[in-house]
Amino acid sequence: MAEPTYVPAGGEVLGEAVRRLVDAVVRTQADPATVLAAAEAVDAVTDSLAGELRSGPFTPDVRNVFANPLSVVGGSVNPLAPPVALDVSPERVTGTFALGSAYEGPPGLVHGGVLSLVMDHVLGQAALAAGHGGMTLSLELRYVAPTPLGTELVAEGHVASVDGRKIRMAGSIRAGGTTTVEASGLFLALDRETAAALFPHLTAG
């Protein structure tokens, strides 16, 4: 069994600093010498952190399963995450977030694959909040309007129906008063034996 992941103090500050770095890398118009000097500086910082690394899985031992700091969607420590801040209830889960230059697809707009990532996460968390934690079997998105970069977005997910272990989910993403994405998903609730086989580091004991 892997040891619980340790999230170091200051991880949130570092995560946000790296998000700012990524945005600057994507948008910089600095001269080549400045860019190369920055690359050397980033390499030096990476070396300073790489002395003590652990192998996965990387889910930390946290009591609040809706606040995983290393989540690729909502994690405050994970610089790949926007992050999406969740408001959780058994009836629905709502996430607020904004996506900057690193998430661009068409010019000025969010890449559709990133929106799919967010919706998969929000629907999964909504299923879990309603007592039906499981795995995604299928996810369908309809892009009904362009989703702008740099705008506050709201993702919502809720349970549409339950048939045994099959949970049908529905949700959307809004930018202001405009719905830009409609989503539906089919999730499969995990029984205890399957969960223990897939996630022994979380279910042991």
N, C-alpha and C. Protein backbone atom coordinates (compact mmCIF):
# COMPACT_ATOMS: atom_id res chain seq x y z
N MET A 1 0.85 -1.19 0.00
CA MET A 1 0.00 0.00 0.00
C MET A 1 0.88 1.25 0.00
N ALA A 2 0.60 2.19 -0.90
CA ALA A 2 1.37 3.42 -0.96
C ALA A 2 1.07 4.29 0.26
N GLU A 3 2.09 5.02 0.71
CA GLU A 3 1.88 5.91 1.84
C GLU A 3 1.02 7.10 1.42
N PRO A 4 0.28 7.70 2.38
CA PRO A 4 -0.54 8.86 2.02
C PRO A 4 0.33 9.97 1.44
N THR A 5 -0.20 10.67 0.45
CA THR A 5 0.52 11.77 -0.15
C THR A 5 0.63 12.92 0.83
N TYR A 6 1.83 13.44 0.94
CA TYR A 6 2.07 14.61 1.78
C TYR A 6 1.98 15.85 0.92
N VAL A 7 1.10 16.79 1.29
CA VAL A 7 0.99 18.06 0.58
C VAL A 7 1.75 19.09 1.39
N PRO A 8 2.87 19.61 0.88
CA PRO A 8 3.71 20.49 1.69
C PRO A 8 3.06 21.83 1.98
N ALA A 9 3.40 22.40 3.12
CA ALA A 9 2.96 23.76 3.43
C ALA A 9 3.49 24.70 2.35
N GLY A 10 2.65 25.61 1.94
CA GLY A 10 3.04 26.52 0.86
C GLY A 10 2.71 26.00 -0.52
N GLY A 11 2.14 24.81 -0.58
CA GLY A 11 1.82 24.22 -1.88
C GLY A 11 0.83 25.06 -2.68
N GLU A 12 -0.16 25.64 -2.00
CA GLU A 12 -1.13 26.47 -2.70
C GLU A 12 -0.48 27.72 -3.28
N VAL A 13 0.43 28.31 -2.53
CA VAL A 13 1.14 29.50 -3.02
C VAL A 13 1.98 29.14 -4.24
N LEU A 14 2.67 28.01 -4.16
CA LEU A 14 3.48 27.57 -5.29
C LEU A 14 2.61 27.25 -6.50
N GLY A 15 1.49 26.58 -6.28
CA GLY A 15 0.59 26.27 -7.39
C GLY A 15 0.13 27.51 -8.12
N GLU A 16 -0.27 28.54 -7.36
CA GLU A 16 -0.72 29.78 -7.98
C GLU A 16 0.42 30.50 -8.69
N ALA A 17 1.62 30.44 -8.13
CA ALA A 17 2.78 31.06 -8.77
C ALA A 17 3.06 30.40 -10.12
N VAL A 18 2.93 29.07 -10.18
CA VAL A 18 3.17 28.37 -11.44
C VAL A 18 2.07 28.69 -12.45
N ARG A 19 0.83 28.87 -11.99
CA ARG A 19 -0.23 29.29 -12.92
C ARG A 19 0.11 30.64 -13.55
N ARG A 20 0.62 31.57 -12.74
CA ARG A 20 1.01 32.86 -13.29
C ARG A 20 2.17 32.70 -14.27
N LEU A 21 3.09 31.79 -13.95
CA LEU A 21 4.21 31.53 -14.84
C LEU A 21 3.72 30.98 -16.18
N VAL A 22 2.80 30.02 -16.14
CA VAL A 22 2.29 29.43 -17.37
C VAL A 22 1.62 30.50 -18.23
N ASP A 23 0.82 31.36 -17.60
CA ASP A 23 0.17 32.43 -18.35
C ASP A 23 1.20 33.36 -19.00
N ALA A 24 2.26 33.66 -18.26
CA ALA A 24 3.31 34.53 -18.80
C ALA A 24 4.05 33.84 -19.95
N VAL A 25 4.31 32.54 -19.82
CA VAL A 25 4.99 31.79 -20.89
C VAL A 25 4.17 31.83 -22.17
N VAL A 26 2.87 31.66 -22.04
CA VAL A 26 2.00 31.64 -23.22
C VAL A 26 1.92 33.02 -23.87
N ARG A 27 1.98 34.09 -23.07
CA ARG A 27 1.70 35.42 -23.61
C ARG A 27 2.92 36.32 -23.76
N THR A 28 4.08 35.88 -23.28
CA THR A 28 5.23 36.78 -23.27
C THR A 28 5.67 37.20 -24.68
N GLN A 29 6.14 38.44 -24.77
CA GLN A 29 6.76 38.97 -25.98
C GLN A 29 8.18 39.43 -25.68
N ALA A 30 8.77 38.83 -24.63
CA ALA A 30 10.13 39.19 -24.24
C ALA A 30 11.13 38.79 -25.31
N ASP A 31 12.31 39.42 -25.26
CA ASP A 31 13.36 39.11 -26.24
C ASP A 31 13.93 37.72 -25.95
N PRO A 32 14.58 37.09 -26.97
CA PRO A 32 15.09 35.72 -26.81
C PRO A 32 16.03 35.55 -25.63
N ALA A 33 16.90 36.52 -25.36
CA ALA A 33 17.84 36.37 -24.25
C ALA A 33 17.09 36.29 -22.92
N THR A 34 16.05 37.08 -22.77
CA THR A 34 15.26 37.04 -21.55
C THR A 34 14.54 35.72 -21.41
N VAL A 35 14.02 35.21 -22.52
CA VAL A 35 13.31 33.93 -22.49
C VAL A 35 14.26 32.79 -22.10
N LEU A 36 15.46 32.77 -22.67
CA LEU A 36 16.42 31.71 -22.35
C LEU A 36 16.89 31.82 -20.90
N ALA A 37 17.08 33.03 -20.40
CA ALA A 37 17.47 33.21 -19.00
C ALA A 37 16.35 32.72 -18.08
N ALA A 38 15.10 32.97 -18.46
CA ALA A 38 13.97 32.49 -17.67
C ALA A 38 13.94 30.97 -17.66
N ALA A 39 14.23 30.35 -18.80
CA ALA A 39 14.25 28.89 -18.86
C ALA A 39 15.29 28.31 -17.91
N GLU A 40 16.45 28.93 -17.84
CA GLU A 40 17.49 28.47 -16.92
C GLU A 40 17.04 28.62 -15.47
N ALA A 41 16.37 29.73 -15.18
CA ALA A 41 15.90 29.96 -13.82
C ALA A 41 14.83 28.94 -13.44
N VAL A 42 13.94 28.64 -14.38
CA VAL A 42 12.90 27.64 -14.11
C VAL A 42 13.53 26.28 -13.88
N ASP A 43 14.53 25.92 -14.68
CA ASP A 43 15.23 24.65 -14.49
C ASP A 43 15.85 24.57 -13.10
N ALA A 44 16.42 25.68 -12.64
CA ALA A 44 17.05 25.68 -11.32
C ALA A 44 16.00 25.47 -10.22
N VAL A 45 14.83 26.11 -10.37
CA VAL A 45 13.77 25.93 -9.39
C VAL A 45 13.27 24.48 -9.41
N THR A 46 13.12 23.93 -10.61
CA THR A 46 12.68 22.53 -10.73
C THR A 46 13.66 21.59 -10.03
N ASP A 47 14.95 21.82 -10.23
CA ASP A 47 15.96 20.99 -9.58
C ASP A 47 15.86 21.09 -8.06
N SER A 48 15.53 22.27 -7.56
CA SER A 48 15.43 22.44 -6.11
C SER A 48 14.26 21.67 -5.51
N LEU A 49 13.23 21.43 -6.31
CA LEU A 49 12.06 20.69 -5.83
C LEU A 49 12.16 19.19 -6.10
N ALA A 50 12.99 18.80 -7.05
CA ALA A 50 13.00 17.42 -7.53
C ALA A 50 13.85 16.47 -6.68
N GLY A 51 14.45 16.98 -5.63
CA GLY A 51 15.30 16.12 -4.81
C GLY A 51 14.52 15.08 -4.05
N GLU A 52 13.27 15.40 -3.70
CA GLU A 52 12.44 14.46 -2.94
C GLU A 52 11.09 14.33 -3.64
N LEU A 53 10.98 13.31 -4.48
CA LEU A 53 9.73 13.05 -5.21
C LEU A 53 9.21 11.67 -4.83
N ARG A 54 7.90 11.50 -4.89
CA ARG A 54 7.32 10.20 -4.62
C ARG A 54 6.59 9.71 -5.85
N SER A 55 6.42 8.40 -5.94
CA SER A 55 5.64 7.82 -7.02
C SER A 55 4.16 7.90 -6.66
N GLY A 56 3.30 7.70 -7.67
CA GLY A 56 1.86 7.79 -7.43
C GLY A 56 1.33 6.56 -6.70
N PRO A 57 0.03 6.52 -6.42
CA PRO A 57 -0.97 7.56 -6.73
C PRO A 57 -0.80 8.80 -5.86
N PHE A 58 -1.37 9.90 -6.33
CA PHE A 58 -1.10 11.19 -5.72
C PHE A 58 -2.27 11.76 -4.92
N THR A 59 -3.36 11.00 -4.79
CA THR A 59 -4.48 11.49 -3.99
C THR A 59 -4.08 11.54 -2.52
N PRO A 60 -4.16 12.71 -1.91
CA PRO A 60 -3.73 12.82 -0.51
C PRO A 60 -4.74 12.20 0.44
N ASP A 61 -4.30 11.97 1.65
CA ASP A 61 -5.17 11.43 2.69
C ASP A 61 -5.93 12.59 3.32
N VAL A 62 -7.07 12.94 2.70
CA VAL A 62 -7.86 14.07 3.19
C VAL A 62 -9.25 13.58 3.58
N ARG A 63 -9.84 14.25 4.58
CA ARG A 63 -11.18 13.87 5.03
C ARG A 63 -12.25 14.39 4.09
N ASN A 64 -12.03 15.58 3.51
CA ASN A 64 -13.01 16.16 2.60
C ASN A 64 -12.68 15.73 1.17
N VAL A 65 -13.40 14.75 0.64
CA VAL A 65 -13.11 14.22 -0.68
C VAL A 65 -13.42 15.22 -1.78
N PHE A 66 -14.13 16.30 -1.45
CA PHE A 66 -14.47 17.31 -2.45
C PHE A 66 -13.41 18.41 -2.51
N ALA A 67 -12.35 18.29 -1.72
CA ALA A 67 -11.33 19.32 -1.67
C ALA A 67 -9.94 18.70 -1.78
N ASN A 68 -9.72 17.92 -2.82
CA ASN A 68 -8.42 17.32 -3.07
C ASN A 68 -7.49 18.39 -3.64
N PRO A 69 -6.46 18.81 -2.90
CA PRO A 69 -5.61 19.91 -3.37
C PRO A 69 -4.78 19.55 -4.59
N LEU A 70 -4.69 18.27 -4.93
CA LEU A 70 -3.91 17.85 -6.10
C LEU A 70 -4.77 17.51 -7.30
N SER A 71 -6.08 17.73 -7.19
CA SER A 71 -6.99 17.45 -8.31
C SER A 71 -6.61 18.27 -9.54
N VAL A 72 -6.69 17.64 -10.72
CA VAL A 72 -6.36 18.32 -11.96
C VAL A 72 -7.41 19.35 -12.35
N VAL A 73 -8.56 19.34 -11.66
CA VAL A 73 -9.63 20.30 -11.95
C VAL A 73 -9.80 21.30 -10.81
N GLY A 74 -9.88 20.81 -9.59
CA GLY A 74 -10.16 21.70 -8.47
C GLY A 74 -9.00 21.93 -7.52
N GLY A 75 -7.86 21.33 -7.79
CA GLY A 75 -6.77 21.34 -6.83
C GLY A 75 -6.05 22.67 -6.74
N SER A 76 -6.02 23.26 -5.56
CA SER A 76 -5.33 24.54 -5.37
C SER A 76 -3.82 24.39 -5.49
N VAL A 77 -3.29 23.19 -5.24
CA VAL A 77 -1.85 22.95 -5.33
C VAL A 77 -1.43 22.56 -6.75
N ASN A 78 -2.34 21.97 -7.50
CA ASN A 78 -2.02 21.49 -8.85
C ASN A 78 -2.07 22.65 -9.84
N PRO A 79 -0.94 23.04 -10.43
CA PRO A 79 -0.96 24.21 -11.32
C PRO A 79 -1.68 23.96 -12.63
N LEU A 80 -2.00 22.71 -12.95
CA LEU A 80 -2.79 22.43 -14.15
C LEU A 80 -4.26 22.77 -13.94
N ALA A 81 -4.70 22.83 -12.69
CA ALA A 81 -6.10 23.09 -12.38
C ALA A 81 -6.40 24.58 -12.48
N PRO A 82 -7.64 24.95 -12.93
CA PRO A 82 -7.96 26.39 -13.04
C PRO A 82 -7.77 27.22 -11.77
N PRO A 83 -8.13 26.82 -10.55
CA PRO A 83 -8.91 25.66 -10.14
C PRO A 83 -10.41 25.98 -10.09
N VAL A 84 -11.23 24.92 -10.06
CA VAL A 84 -12.68 25.06 -9.95
C VAL A 84 -13.08 24.96 -8.48
N ALA A 85 -13.71 26.02 -7.96
CA ALA A 85 -14.16 26.03 -6.57
C ALA A 85 -15.57 25.48 -6.50
N LEU A 86 -15.77 24.42 -5.71
CA LEU A 86 -17.04 23.71 -5.67
C LEU A 86 -17.92 24.15 -4.51
N ASP A 87 -19.22 24.25 -4.79
CA ASP A 87 -20.25 24.40 -3.78
C ASP A 87 -21.06 23.11 -3.83
N VAL A 88 -21.00 22.32 -2.76
CA VAL A 88 -21.50 20.94 -2.78
C VAL A 88 -22.75 20.80 -1.93
N SER A 89 -23.77 20.17 -2.50
CA SER A 89 -24.95 19.75 -1.75
C SER A 89 -25.43 18.43 -2.35
N PRO A 90 -26.27 17.68 -1.64
CA PRO A 90 -26.76 16.42 -2.20
C PRO A 90 -27.61 16.62 -3.45
N GLU A 91 -28.18 17.79 -3.63
CA GLU A 91 -29.05 18.05 -4.78
C GLU A 91 -28.26 18.40 -6.04
N ARG A 92 -27.15 19.12 -5.86
CA ARG A 92 -26.35 19.53 -7.02
C ARG A 92 -24.99 20.01 -6.56
N VAL A 93 -24.06 20.02 -7.49
CA VAL A 93 -22.74 20.60 -7.26
C VAL A 93 -22.54 21.73 -8.26
N THR A 94 -22.08 22.86 -7.77
CA THR A 94 -21.81 24.01 -8.62
C THR A 94 -20.34 24.39 -8.49
N GLY A 95 -19.70 24.65 -9.62
CA GLY A 95 -18.30 25.05 -9.60
C GLY A 95 -18.10 26.37 -10.32
N THR A 96 -17.36 27.28 -9.69
CA THR A 96 -17.05 28.56 -10.32
C THR A 96 -15.56 28.60 -10.65
N PHE A 97 -15.23 29.20 -11.80
CA PHE A 97 -13.85 29.21 -12.26
C PHE A 97 -13.72 30.17 -13.43
N ALA A 98 -12.48 30.43 -13.82
CA ALA A 98 -12.18 31.19 -15.03
C ALA A 98 -11.00 30.52 -15.70
N LEU A 99 -10.95 30.58 -17.01
CA LEU A 99 -9.91 29.92 -17.78
C LEU A 99 -9.14 30.96 -18.60
N GLY A 100 -7.82 30.97 -18.41
CA GLY A 100 -6.98 31.95 -19.07
C GLY A 100 -6.33 31.42 -20.33
N SER A 101 -5.26 32.08 -20.73
CA SER A 101 -4.64 31.84 -22.03
C SER A 101 -4.17 30.41 -22.25
N ALA A 102 -3.78 29.73 -21.19
CA ALA A 102 -3.26 28.37 -21.33
C ALA A 102 -4.33 27.39 -21.79
N TYR A 103 -5.60 27.77 -21.69
CA TYR A 103 -6.70 26.86 -22.02
C TYR A 103 -7.38 27.24 -23.33
N GLU A 104 -6.72 28.06 -24.14
CA GLU A 104 -7.33 28.54 -25.38
C GLU A 104 -7.40 27.45 -26.45
N GLY A 105 -8.54 27.40 -27.14
CA GLY A 105 -8.71 26.57 -28.33
C GLY A 105 -8.81 27.49 -29.51
N PRO A 106 -10.02 27.77 -30.03
CA PRO A 106 -10.17 28.82 -31.04
C PRO A 106 -9.76 30.16 -30.43
N PRO A 107 -9.30 31.10 -31.24
CA PRO A 107 -8.82 32.38 -30.70
C PRO A 107 -9.83 33.06 -29.78
N GLY A 108 -9.39 33.31 -28.54
CA GLY A 108 -10.23 33.98 -27.56
C GLY A 108 -11.23 33.11 -26.86
N LEU A 109 -11.26 31.81 -27.19
CA LEU A 109 -12.27 30.91 -26.64
C LEU A 109 -11.60 29.72 -25.95
N VAL A 110 -12.34 29.10 -25.03
CA VAL A 110 -11.83 27.95 -24.30
C VAL A 110 -11.87 26.71 -25.19
N HIS A 111 -10.84 25.88 -25.09
CA HIS A 111 -10.79 24.60 -25.81
C HIS A 111 -11.89 23.69 -25.29
N GLY A 112 -12.62 23.07 -26.22
CA GLY A 112 -13.73 22.20 -25.83
C GLY A 112 -13.32 21.03 -24.98
N GLY A 113 -12.12 20.51 -25.17
CA GLY A 113 -11.65 19.39 -24.37
C GLY A 113 -11.48 19.75 -22.90
N VAL A 114 -11.08 21.00 -22.65
CA VAL A 114 -10.95 21.47 -21.27
C VAL A 114 -12.32 21.55 -20.61
N LEU A 115 -13.32 22.00 -21.36
CA LEU A 115 -14.68 22.06 -20.82
C LEU A 115 -15.21 20.66 -20.52
N SER A 116 -14.83 19.69 -21.34
CA SER A 116 -15.21 18.30 -21.09
C SER A 116 -14.59 17.80 -19.79
N LEU A 117 -13.33 18.13 -19.57
CA LEU A 117 -12.64 17.76 -18.33
C LEU A 117 -13.38 18.32 -17.12
N VAL A 118 -13.74 19.61 -17.18
CA VAL A 118 -14.44 20.23 -16.06
C VAL A 118 -15.79 19.57 -15.82
N MET A 119 -16.54 19.32 -16.90
CA MET A 119 -17.87 18.73 -16.73
C MET A 119 -17.78 17.32 -16.18
N ASP A 120 -16.83 16.54 -16.62
CA ASP A 120 -16.66 15.18 -16.10
C ASP A 120 -16.43 15.24 -14.59
N HIS A 121 -15.60 16.18 -14.17
CA HIS A 121 -15.30 16.32 -12.74
C HIS A 121 -16.53 16.76 -11.96
N VAL A 122 -17.23 17.77 -12.45
CA VAL A 122 -18.39 18.30 -11.72
C VAL A 122 -19.51 17.26 -11.64
N LEU A 123 -19.76 16.55 -12.74
CA LEU A 123 -20.79 15.52 -12.71
C LEU A 123 -20.40 14.39 -11.76
N GLY A 124 -19.14 14.01 -11.78
CA GLY A 124 -18.69 12.96 -10.87
C GLY A 124 -18.82 13.37 -9.42
N GLN A 125 -18.48 14.61 -9.12
CA GLN A 125 -18.60 15.09 -7.76
C GLN A 125 -20.07 15.20 -7.34
N ALA A 126 -20.94 15.56 -8.29
CA ALA A 126 -22.37 15.62 -7.98
C ALA A 126 -22.93 14.24 -7.69
N ALA A 127 -22.49 13.24 -8.45
CA ALA A 127 -22.92 11.87 -8.17
C ALA A 127 -22.46 11.44 -6.78
N LEU A 128 -21.22 11.75 -6.46
CA LEU A 128 -20.68 11.39 -5.14
C LEU A 128 -21.44 12.11 -4.02
N ALA A 129 -21.74 13.38 -4.22
CA ALA A 129 -22.46 14.15 -3.19
C ALA A 129 -23.86 13.59 -2.95
N ALA A 130 -24.44 13.01 -3.99
CA ALA A 130 -25.78 12.42 -3.86
C ALA A 130 -25.74 10.99 -3.34
N GLY A 131 -24.55 10.49 -3.04
CA GLY A 131 -24.41 9.16 -2.48
C GLY A 131 -24.22 8.07 -3.51
N HIS A 132 -23.79 8.45 -4.73
CA HIS A 132 -23.62 7.47 -5.81
C HIS A 132 -22.22 7.56 -6.41
N GLY A 133 -21.21 7.53 -5.57
CA GLY A 133 -19.85 7.63 -6.07
C GLY A 133 -19.53 6.50 -7.03
N GLY A 134 -18.93 6.83 -8.16
CA GLY A 134 -18.62 5.81 -9.15
C GLY A 134 -17.68 6.32 -10.23
N MET A 135 -17.69 5.65 -11.37
CA MET A 135 -16.79 5.95 -12.48
C MET A 135 -17.60 6.32 -13.71
N THR A 136 -17.00 7.17 -14.55
CA THR A 136 -17.66 7.60 -15.78
C THR A 136 -17.70 6.47 -16.79
N LEU A 137 -18.90 6.14 -17.28
CA LEU A 137 -19.04 5.20 -18.40
C LEU A 137 -19.10 5.95 -19.73
N SER A 138 -19.83 7.05 -19.75
CA SER A 138 -19.92 7.86 -20.98
C SER A 138 -20.20 9.30 -20.60
N LEU A 139 -19.77 10.20 -21.47
CA LEU A 139 -19.96 11.62 -21.25
C LEU A 139 -20.25 12.27 -22.60
N GLU A 140 -21.34 13.01 -22.67
CA GLU A 140 -21.72 13.68 -23.92
C GLU A 140 -21.89 15.17 -23.66
N LEU A 141 -21.23 15.98 -24.48
CA LEU A 141 -21.33 17.42 -24.37
C LEU A 141 -21.89 18.00 -25.66
N ARG A 142 -22.71 19.01 -25.50
CA ARG A 142 -23.22 19.78 -26.63
C ARG A 142 -22.76 21.22 -26.43
N TYR A 143 -21.95 21.70 -27.36
CA TYR A 143 -21.41 23.05 -27.27
C TYR A 143 -22.41 23.99 -27.95
N VAL A 144 -23.22 24.66 -27.14
CA VAL A 144 -24.32 25.43 -27.69
C VAL A 144 -23.94 26.88 -27.96
N ALA A 145 -22.83 27.34 -27.40
CA ALA A 145 -22.35 28.70 -27.64
C ALA A 145 -20.86 28.73 -27.31
N PRO A 146 -20.10 29.65 -27.90
CA PRO A 146 -18.68 29.75 -27.56
C PRO A 146 -18.49 30.11 -26.08
N THR A 147 -17.43 29.56 -25.49
CA THR A 147 -17.10 29.85 -24.09
C THR A 147 -15.88 30.76 -24.07
N PRO A 148 -16.02 32.00 -23.59
CA PRO A 148 -14.92 32.96 -23.66
C PRO A 148 -13.85 32.71 -22.60
N LEU A 149 -12.62 33.05 -22.95
CA LEU A 149 -11.53 33.05 -21.98
C LEU A 149 -11.69 34.23 -21.03
N GLY A 150 -11.10 34.09 -19.83
CA GLY A 150 -11.01 35.20 -18.90
C GLY A 150 -12.32 35.68 -18.34
N THR A 151 -13.34 34.85 -18.39
CA THR A 151 -14.67 35.20 -17.90
C THR A 151 -15.07 34.23 -16.80
N GLU A 152 -15.74 34.73 -15.77
CA GLU A 152 -16.21 33.82 -14.73
C GLU A 152 -17.22 32.84 -15.33
N LEU A 153 -16.97 31.57 -15.09
CA LEU A 153 -17.83 30.50 -15.59
C LEU A 153 -18.43 29.75 -14.41
N VAL A 154 -19.61 29.21 -14.63
CA VAL A 154 -20.29 28.42 -13.60
C VAL A 154 -20.68 27.08 -14.21
N ALA A 155 -20.15 25.99 -13.64
CA ALA A 155 -20.52 24.64 -14.05
C ALA A 155 -21.45 24.05 -13.01
N GLU A 156 -22.46 23.33 -13.46
CA GLU A 156 -23.45 22.74 -12.55
C GLU A 156 -23.70 21.30 -12.95
N GLY A 157 -23.85 20.43 -11.95
CA GLY A 157 -24.16 19.03 -12.21
C GLY A 157 -25.13 18.49 -11.19
N HIS A 158 -26.01 17.58 -11.62
CA HIS A 158 -26.98 16.97 -10.72
C HIS A 158 -27.37 15.60 -11.25
N VAL A 159 -27.95 14.79 -10.37
CA VAL A 159 -28.43 13.46 -10.75
C VAL A 159 -29.74 13.60 -11.50
N ALA A 160 -29.81 12.98 -12.69
CA ALA A 160 -31.05 12.98 -13.46
C ALA A 160 -31.91 11.77 -13.13
N SER A 161 -31.27 10.60 -12.97
CA SER A 161 -32.01 9.40 -12.63
C SER A 161 -31.04 8.33 -12.14
N VAL A 162 -31.59 7.36 -11.43
CA VAL A 162 -30.79 6.25 -10.92
C VAL A 162 -31.50 4.95 -11.25
N ASP A 163 -30.75 4.01 -11.84
CA ASP A 163 -31.28 2.69 -12.18
C ASP A 163 -30.28 1.66 -11.69
N GLY A 164 -30.47 1.19 -10.47
CA GLY A 164 -29.51 0.28 -9.89
C GLY A 164 -28.18 0.98 -9.68
N ARG A 165 -27.12 0.43 -10.28
CA ARG A 165 -25.80 1.04 -10.16
C ARG A 165 -25.54 2.07 -11.26
N LYS A 166 -26.48 2.24 -12.18
CA LYS A 166 -26.30 3.21 -13.26
C LYS A 166 -26.91 4.55 -12.86
N ILE A 167 -26.08 5.59 -12.89
CA ILE A 167 -26.52 6.92 -12.50
C ILE A 167 -26.40 7.84 -13.71
N ARG A 168 -27.52 8.40 -14.12
CA ARG A 168 -27.51 9.36 -15.24
C ARG A 168 -27.41 10.77 -14.66
N MET A 169 -26.45 11.52 -15.18
CA MET A 169 -26.16 12.85 -14.70
C MET A 169 -26.46 13.89 -15.78
N ALA A 170 -26.74 15.09 -15.35
CA ALA A 170 -26.96 16.20 -16.29
C ALA A 170 -26.31 17.44 -15.71
N GLY A 171 -25.91 18.36 -16.60
CA GLY A 171 -25.28 19.58 -16.13
C GLY A 171 -25.05 20.57 -17.25
N SER A 172 -24.41 21.66 -16.91
CA SER A 172 -24.19 22.72 -17.89
C SER A 172 -23.04 23.61 -17.44
N ILE A 173 -22.57 24.43 -18.37
CA ILE A 173 -21.62 25.50 -18.07
C ILE A 173 -22.24 26.79 -18.59
N ARG A 174 -22.16 27.84 -17.76
CA ARG A 174 -22.70 29.14 -18.13
C ARG A 174 -21.60 30.20 -18.06
N ALA A 175 -21.69 31.13 -18.98
CA ALA A 175 -20.85 32.34 -18.95
C ALA A 175 -21.80 33.51 -18.86
N GLY A 176 -21.87 34.14 -17.68
CA GLY A 176 -22.87 35.17 -17.46
C GLY A 176 -24.25 34.53 -17.54
N GLY A 177 -25.13 35.10 -18.34
CA GLY A 177 -26.46 34.54 -18.48
C GLY A 177 -26.59 33.59 -19.64
N THR A 178 -25.48 33.21 -20.27
CA THR A 178 -25.52 32.36 -21.46
C THR A 178 -25.03 30.96 -21.15
N THR A 179 -25.84 29.96 -21.46
CA THR A 179 -25.39 28.57 -21.37
C THR A 179 -24.53 28.27 -22.58
N THR A 180 -23.30 27.84 -22.34
CA THR A 180 -22.39 27.53 -23.44
C THR A 180 -22.21 26.03 -23.66
N VAL A 181 -22.47 25.24 -22.61
CA VAL A 181 -22.30 23.79 -22.70
C VAL A 181 -23.47 23.11 -21.99
N GLU A 182 -24.02 22.10 -22.63
CA GLU A 182 -24.98 21.20 -21.99
C GLU A 182 -24.34 19.82 -21.95
N ALA A 183 -24.45 19.13 -20.83
CA ALA A 183 -23.76 17.86 -20.65
C ALA A 183 -24.68 16.80 -20.06
N SER A 184 -24.42 15.57 -20.45
CA SER A 184 -25.08 14.42 -19.83
C SER A 184 -24.04 13.32 -19.69
N GLY A 185 -24.18 12.53 -18.66
CA GLY A 185 -23.21 11.47 -18.42
C GLY A 185 -23.86 10.26 -17.80
N LEU A 186 -23.23 9.12 -18.02
CA LEU A 186 -23.65 7.87 -17.39
C LEU A 186 -22.52 7.40 -16.51
N PHE A 187 -22.80 7.22 -15.23
CA PHE A 187 -21.80 6.79 -14.26
C PHE A 187 -22.22 5.44 -13.68
N LEU A 188 -21.22 4.67 -13.27
CA LEU A 188 -21.46 3.36 -12.66
C LEU A 188 -20.98 3.40 -11.22
N ALA A 189 -21.92 3.24 -10.29
CA ALA A 189 -21.57 3.21 -8.87
C ALA A 189 -20.70 1.99 -8.58
N LEU A 190 -19.69 2.17 -7.76
CA LEU A 190 -18.77 1.09 -7.43
C LEU A 190 -19.24 0.35 -6.18
N ASP A 191 -19.22 -0.98 -6.27
CA ASP A 191 -19.46 -1.74 -5.05
C ASP A 191 -18.18 -1.77 -4.23
N ARG A 192 -18.29 -2.23 -3.00
CA ARG A 192 -17.16 -2.18 -2.08
C ARG A 192 -15.96 -2.97 -2.61
N GLU A 193 -16.22 -4.14 -3.20
CA GLU A 193 -15.13 -4.99 -3.67
C GLU A 193 -14.39 -4.33 -4.83
N THR A 194 -15.14 -3.74 -5.76
CA THR A 194 -14.50 -3.09 -6.90
C THR A 194 -13.70 -1.88 -6.46
N ALA A 195 -14.26 -1.09 -5.55
CA ALA A 195 -13.56 0.08 -5.04
C ALA A 195 -12.26 -0.31 -4.35
N ALA A 196 -12.31 -1.40 -3.59
CA ALA A 196 -11.11 -1.84 -2.88
C ALA A 196 -10.04 -2.31 -3.85
N ALA A 197 -10.47 -2.94 -4.96
CA ALA A 197 -9.50 -3.41 -5.95
C ALA A 197 -8.88 -2.26 -6.73
N LEU A 198 -9.68 -1.24 -7.04
CA LEU A 198 -9.18 -0.11 -7.82
C LEU A 198 -8.35 0.85 -6.98
N PHE A 199 -8.76 1.03 -5.72
CA PHE A 199 -8.14 2.05 -4.89
C PHE A 199 -7.72 1.48 -3.53
N PRO A 200 -6.82 0.52 -3.51
CA PRO A 200 -6.45 -0.09 -2.24
C PRO A 200 -5.80 0.89 -1.27
N HIS A 201 -5.14 1.94 -1.81
CA HIS A 201 -4.47 2.91 -0.94
C HIS A 201 -5.47 3.80 -0.22
N LEU A 202 -6.70 3.86 -0.71
CA LEU A 202 -7.73 4.68 -0.07
C LEU A 202 -8.68 3.88 0.78
N THR A 203 -8.87 2.61 0.43
CA THR A 203 -9.92 1.81 1.09
C THR A 203 -9.37 0.86 2.14
N ALA A 204 -8.07 0.72 2.22
CA ALA A 204 -7.52 -0.21 3.21
C ALA A 204 -7.84 0.25 4.62
N GLY A 205 -8.26 -0.67 5.44
CA GLY A 205 -8.55 -0.35 6.83
C GLY A 205 -9.94 0.19 7.00
